[in-house]
Amino acid sequence: MLNRCHQAAGVSVAGRQSGFTLLELLVVIVIIVTAAAVVAPSLGPAAQQAQLDSGAARLDALVRHARTRAVIERREVVLIPSADGRRVQLAYPDGKGQPRTPALDLGEALRLRVARTQGAEEEIGIIFNADGTADSVDILISSHAGVRRLVLEPARGTLVLGES
């Protein structure tokens, strides 16, 4: 019946094409680009904050590993940050052997700095003793999103989130 209406109106059914016009496609693309331009800036800080949280969690895992290794092997293990603060590795302070733990790479955007408490001796890194204890230090992880301050509890050798 639809074909009869079109034939009566002089419209050929076979000649009609379905689809979108170029103008309709361009309007949709402009709307998508505009929406992306509005939303994208608000996602930047959240992604940087997540990267900072991820770096703190990875460092916490390495600190726990260093403490566990010191207790199991019954010898001191030192956690050494690189000069630029992008990597952290484990070593033995007596120089005998090297732990088989690969260095932790914090990435391009994160930096780590160890801040000693007042009165503490300046050392190459954070030393975990054979009994699981460590020096009291503040570890600062920074990025464009801000700074996370982690405090190493000396008696337990674990990290806790400090006031930033």
C-alpha atoms as a PDB file:
ATOM      1  CA  MET A   1       0.000   0.000   0.000  1.00  0.00           C
ATOM      2  CA  LEU A   2       2.895   2.306   0.745  1.00  0.00           C
ATOM      3  CA  ASN A   3       4.251   1.706  -2.736  1.00  0.00           C
ATOM      4  CA  ARG A   4       0.879   2.688  -4.262  1.00  0.00           C
ATOM      5  CA  CYS A   5       0.916   5.996  -2.350  1.00  0.00           C
ATOM      6  CA  HIS A   6       4.405   6.777  -3.566  1.00  0.00           C
ATOM      7  CA  GLN A   7       3.532   5.789  -7.130  1.00  0.00           C
ATOM      8  CA  ALA A   8       0.414   7.973  -7.026  1.00  0.00           C
ATOM      9  CA  ALA A   9       2.502  10.912  -5.797  1.00  0.00           C
ATOM     10  CA  GLY A  10       4.992  10.331  -8.588  1.00  0.00           C
ATOM     11  CA  VAL A  11       7.856   9.283  -6.287  1.00  0.00           C
ATOM     12  CA  SER A  12       9.892   6.286  -7.323  1.00  0.00           C
ATOM     13  CA  VAL A  13      10.556   3.865  -4.446  1.00  0.00           C
ATOM     14  CA  ALA A  14      13.629   2.410  -6.094  1.00  0.00           C
ATOM     15  CA  GLY A  15      15.181   5.889  -6.554  1.00  0.00           C
ATOM     16  CA  ARG A  16      15.157   6.913  -2.862  1.00  0.00           C
ATOM     17  CA  GLN A  17      18.379   6.553  -0.899  1.00  0.00           C
ATOM     18  CA  SER A  18      18.533   6.267   2.845  1.00  0.00           C
ATOM     19  CA  GLY A  19      21.347   7.556   5.082  1.00  0.00           C
ATOM     20  CA  PHE A  20      22.703  10.733   6.625  1.00  0.00           C
ATOM     21  CA  THR A  21      23.629  13.885   4.815  1.00  0.00           C
ATOM     22  CA  LEU A  22      27.074  15.384   5.141  1.00  0.00           C
ATOM     23  CA  LEU A  23      25.617  18.304   7.090  1.00  0.00           C
ATOM     24  CA  GLU A  24      24.025  15.984   9.653  1.00  0.00           C
ATOM     25  CA  LEU A  25      27.321  14.136  10.150  1.00  0.00           C
ATOM     26  CA  LEU A  26      29.243  17.400  10.612  1.00  0.00           C
ATOM     27  CA  VAL A  27      26.736  18.639  13.210  1.00  0.00           C
ATOM     28  CA  VAL A  28      27.133  15.408  15.209  1.00  0.00           C
ATOM     29  CA  ILE A  29      30.953  15.636  15.034  1.00  0.00           C
ATOM     30  CA  VAL A  30      30.875  19.259  16.246  1.00  0.00           C
ATOM     31  CA  ILE A  31      28.646  18.258  19.193  1.00  0.00           C
ATOM     32  CA  ILE A  32      30.992  15.384  20.166  1.00  0.00           C
ATOM     33  CA  VAL A  33      34.116  17.558  19.941  1.00  0.00           C
ATOM     34  CA  THR A  34      32.468  20.318  22.001  1.00  0.00           C
ATOM     35  CA  ALA A  35      31.416  17.839  24.698  1.00  0.00           C
ATOM     36  CA  ALA A  36      34.934  16.352  24.815  1.00  0.00           C
ATOM     37  CA  ALA A  37      36.468  19.820  25.128  1.00  0.00           C
ATOM     38  CA  VAL A  38      34.224  20.588  28.093  1.00  0.00           C
ATOM     39  CA  VAL A  39      34.796  17.258  29.906  1.00  0.00           C
ATOM     40  CA  ALA A  40      38.536  16.697  29.258  1.00  0.00           C
ATOM     41  CA  PRO A  41      39.960  19.429  31.557  1.00  0.00           C
ATOM     42  CA  SER A  42      38.036  18.088  34.524  1.00  0.00           C
ATOM     43  CA  LEU A  43      39.506  14.594  34.023  1.00  0.00           C
ATOM     44  CA  GLY A  44      43.154  15.761  34.188  1.00  0.00           C
ATOM     45  CA  PRO A  45      43.470  16.343  37.960  1.00  0.00           C
ATOM     46  CA  ALA A  46      41.621  13.111  38.739  1.00  0.00           C
ATOM     47  CA  ALA A  47      44.041  11.115  36.588  1.00  0.00           C
ATOM     48  CA  GLN A  48      47.049  12.812  38.201  1.00  0.00           C
ATOM     49  CA  GLN A  49      45.608  12.145  41.667  1.00  0.00           C
ATOM     50  CA  ALA A  50      45.112   8.484  40.772  1.00  0.00           C
ATOM     51  CA  GLN A  51      48.717   8.312  39.552  1.00  0.00           C
ATOM     52  CA  LEU A  52      49.909   9.761  42.874  1.00  0.00           C
ATOM     53  CA  ASP A  53      47.823   7.239  44.823  1.00  0.00           C
ATOM     54  CA  SER A  54      49.147   4.396  42.672  1.00  0.00           C
ATOM     55  CA  GLY A  55      52.758   5.468  43.264  1.00  0.00           C
ATOM     56  CA  ALA A  56      52.156   5.591  47.030  1.00  0.00           C
ATOM     57  CA  ALA A  57      50.621   2.099  46.966  1.00  0.00           C
ATOM     58  CA  ARG A  58      53.549   0.664  44.959  1.00  0.00           C
ATOM     59  CA  LEU A  59      56.047   2.261  47.331  1.00  0.00           C
ATOM     60  CA  ASP A  60      54.160   0.846  50.313  1.00  0.00           C
ATOM     61  CA  ALA A  61      54.410  -2.632  48.766  1.00  0.00           C
ATOM     62  CA  LEU A  62      58.166  -2.219  48.259  1.00  0.00           C
ATOM     63  CA  VAL A  63      58.630  -1.037  51.867  1.00  0.00           C
ATOM     64  CA  ARG A  64      56.746  -4.101  53.132  1.00  0.00           C
ATOM     65  CA  HIS A  65      58.872  -6.306  50.889  1.00  0.00           C
ATOM     66  CA  ALA A  66      62.111  -4.725  52.169  1.00  0.00           C
ATOM     67  CA  ARG A  67      61.059  -5.220  55.795  1.00  0.00           C
ATOM     68  CA  THR A  68      60.037  -8.835  55.156  1.00  0.00           C
ATOM     69  CA  ARG A  69      63.315  -9.554  53.357  1.00  0.00           C
ATOM     70  CA  ALA A  70      65.304  -8.073  56.269  1.00  0.00           C
ATOM     71  CA  VAL A  71      63.469 -10.241  58.804  1.00  0.00           C
ATOM     72  CA  ILE A  72      63.629 -13.458  56.751  1.00  0.00           C
ATOM     73  CA  GLU A  73      67.302 -13.081  55.805  1.00  0.00           C
ATOM     74  CA  ARG A  74      68.249 -11.734  59.246  1.00  0.00           C
ATOM     75  CA  ARG A  75      70.309  -8.906  57.801  1.00  0.00           C
ATOM     76  CA  GLU A  76      69.903  -5.226  57.073  1.00  0.00           C
ATOM     77  CA  VAL A  77      68.217  -4.201  53.846  1.00  0.00           C
ATOM     78  CA  VAL A  78      68.335  -0.633  52.609  1.00  0.00           C
ATOM     79  CA  LEU A  79      65.780   1.055  50.372  1.00  0.00           C
ATOM     80  CA  ILE A  80      67.637   3.543  48.159  1.00  0.00           C
ATOM     81  CA  PRO A  81      65.926   6.251  46.088  1.00  0.00           C
ATOM     82  CA  SER A  82      67.709   7.397  42.928  1.00  0.00           C
ATOM     83  CA  ALA A  83      69.177  10.896  42.755  1.00  0.00           C
ATOM     84  CA  ASP A  84      66.312  12.159  40.576  1.00  0.00           C
ATOM     85  CA  GLY A  85      63.660  10.483  42.753  1.00  0.00           C
ATOM     86  CA  ARG A  86      62.124   8.446  39.925  1.00  0.00           C
ATOM     87  CA  ARG A  87      63.349   4.994  41.003  1.00  0.00           C
ATOM     88  CA  VAL A  88      63.717   3.102  44.266  1.00  0.00           C
ATOM     89  CA  GLN A  89      65.774  -0.054  44.719  1.00  0.00           C
ATOM     90  CA  LEU A  90      66.772  -2.459  47.472  1.00  0.00           C
ATOM     91  CA  ALA A  91      70.378  -3.203  48.437  1.00  0.00           C
ATOM     92  CA  TYR A  92      72.397  -4.703  51.251  1.00  0.00           C
ATOM     93  CA  PRO A  93      74.427  -2.072  53.136  1.00  0.00           C
ATOM     94  CA  ASP A  94      77.324  -4.468  53.721  1.00  0.00           C
ATOM     95  CA  GLY A  95      77.775  -4.813  49.937  1.00  0.00           C
ATOM     96  CA  LYS A  96      77.592  -8.611  49.998  1.00  0.00           C
ATOM     97  CA  GLY A  97      75.209  -9.667  47.256  1.00  0.00           C
ATOM     98  CA  GLN A  98      72.303  -7.864  45.705  1.00  0.00           C
ATOM     99  CA  PRO A  99      68.587  -8.498  46.330  1.00  0.00           C
ATOM    100  CA  ARG A 100      66.834  -9.962  43.318  1.00  0.00           C
ATOM    101  CA  THR A 101      64.075  -7.370  43.554  1.00  0.00           C
ATOM    102  CA  PRO A 102      63.950  -5.102  40.490  1.00  0.00           C
ATOM    103  CA  ALA A 103      64.026  -1.344  40.983  1.00  0.00           C
ATOM    104  CA  LEU A 104      60.637   0.323  41.335  1.00  0.00           C
ATOM    105  CA  ASP A 105      60.132   2.906  38.584  1.00  0.00           C
ATOM    106  CA  LEU A 106      57.666   5.569  39.732  1.00  0.00           C
ATOM    107  CA  GLY A 107      57.258   6.965  36.211  1.00  0.00           C
ATOM    108  CA  GLU A 108      57.858  10.312  34.565  1.00  0.00           C
ATOM    109  CA  ALA A 109      55.426  12.365  36.646  1.00  0.00           C
ATOM    110  CA  LEU A 110      56.232  11.162  40.173  1.00  0.00           C
ATOM    111  CA  ARG A 111      59.201  12.062  42.357  1.00  0.00           C
ATOM    112  CA  LEU A 112      60.232  10.627  45.709  1.00  0.00           C
ATOM    113  CA  ARG A 113      62.201  12.311  48.469  1.00  0.00           C
ATOM    114  CA  VAL A 114      63.199  10.975  51.885  1.00  0.00           C
ATOM    115  CA  ALA A 115      63.048  13.532  54.693  1.00  0.00           C
ATOM    116  CA  ARG A 116      64.849  12.472  57.858  1.00  0.00           C
ATOM    117  CA  THR A 117      63.559  13.431  61.260  1.00  0.00           C
ATOM    118  CA  GLN A 118      65.576  15.914  63.265  1.00  0.00           C
ATOM    119  CA  GLY A 119      68.662  14.495  64.876  1.00  0.00           C
ATOM    120  CA  ALA A 120      68.866  11.474  62.568  1.00  0.00           C
ATOM    121  CA  GLU A 121      72.106  10.729  60.772  1.00  0.00           C
ATOM    122  CA  GLU A 122      72.215  11.291  57.024  1.00  0.00           C
ATOM    123  CA  GLU A 123      72.245   7.909  55.313  1.00  0.00           C
ATOM    124  CA  ILE A 124      72.038   6.667  51.756  1.00  0.00           C
ATOM    125  CA  GLY A 125      68.507   5.341  52.165  1.00  0.00           C
ATOM    126  CA  ILE A 126      66.077   3.763  54.582  1.00  0.00           C
ATOM    127  CA  ILE A 127      67.634   0.896  56.515  1.00  0.00           C
ATOM    128  CA  PHE A 128      65.433  -1.985  57.661  1.00  0.00           C
ATOM    129  CA  ASN A 129      67.011  -3.918  60.510  1.00  0.00           C
ATOM    130  CA  ALA A 130      66.933  -7.693  60.933  1.00  0.00           C
ATOM    131  CA  ASP A 131      64.296  -7.336  63.673  1.00  0.00           C
ATOM    132  CA  GLY A 132      61.922  -5.504  61.287  1.00  0.00           C
ATOM    133  CA  THR A 133      62.437  -2.025  62.668  1.00  0.00           C
ATOM    134  CA  ALA A 134      63.587   0.999  60.664  1.00  0.00           C
ATOM    135  CA  ASP A 135      64.554   4.620  61.114  1.00  0.00           C
ATOM    136  CA  SER A 136      61.748   7.137  61.442  1.00  0.00           C
ATOM    137  CA  VAL A 137      61.555   9.020  58.151  1.00  0.00           C
ATOM    138  CA  ASP A 138      59.035  10.947  56.122  1.00  0.00           C
ATOM    139  CA  ILE A 139      58.715   9.961  52.479  1.00  0.00           C
ATOM    140  CA  LEU A 140      57.337  12.587  50.150  1.00  0.00           C
ATOM    141  CA  ILE A 141      55.878  11.556  46.792  1.00  0.00           C
ATOM    142  CA  SER A 142      55.100  14.511  44.563  1.00  0.00           C
ATOM    143  CA  SER A 143      53.515  15.109  41.180  1.00  0.00           C
ATOM    144  CA  HIS A 144      51.606  17.869  39.430  1.00  0.00           C
ATOM    145  CA  ALA A 145      48.542  16.876  41.493  1.00  0.00           C
ATOM    146  CA  GLY A 146      50.220  17.544  44.834  1.00  0.00           C
ATOM    147  CA  VAL A 147      52.298  15.827  47.493  1.00  0.00           C
ATOM    148  CA  ARG A 148      51.660  12.682  49.527  1.00  0.00           C
ATOM    149  CA  ARG A 149      53.497  12.467  52.836  1.00  0.00           C
ATOM    150  CA  LEU A 150      54.067   8.944  54.077  1.00  0.00           C
ATOM    151  CA  VAL A 151      55.556   8.354  57.526  1.00  0.00           C
ATOM    152  CA  LEU A 152      57.612   5.243  58.198  1.00  0.00           C
ATOM    153  CA  GLU A 153      56.779   3.939  61.658  1.00  0.00           C
ATOM    154  CA  PRO A 154      60.103   2.812  63.168  1.00  0.00           C
ATOM    155  CA  ALA A 155      58.840   0.032  65.430  1.00  0.00           C
ATOM    156  CA  ARG A 156      56.707  -1.716  62.812  1.00  0.00           C
ATOM    157  CA  GLY A 157      58.620  -0.694  59.706  1.00  0.00           C
ATOM    158  CA  THR A 158      55.396   0.206  57.879  1.00  0.00           C
ATOM    159  CA  LEU A 159      54.176   3.292  56.053  1.00  0.00           C
ATOM    160  CA  VAL A 160      51.203   5.348  57.201  1.00  0.00           C
ATOM    161  CA  LEU A 161      49.670   8.302  55.415  1.00  0.00           C
ATOM    162  CA  GLY A 162      50.768  11.535  57.050  1.00  0.00           C
ATOM    163  CA  GLU A 163      49.248  14.989  56.904  1.00  0.00           C
ATOM    164  CA  SER A 164      50.115  16.605  53.555  1.00  0.00           C
END
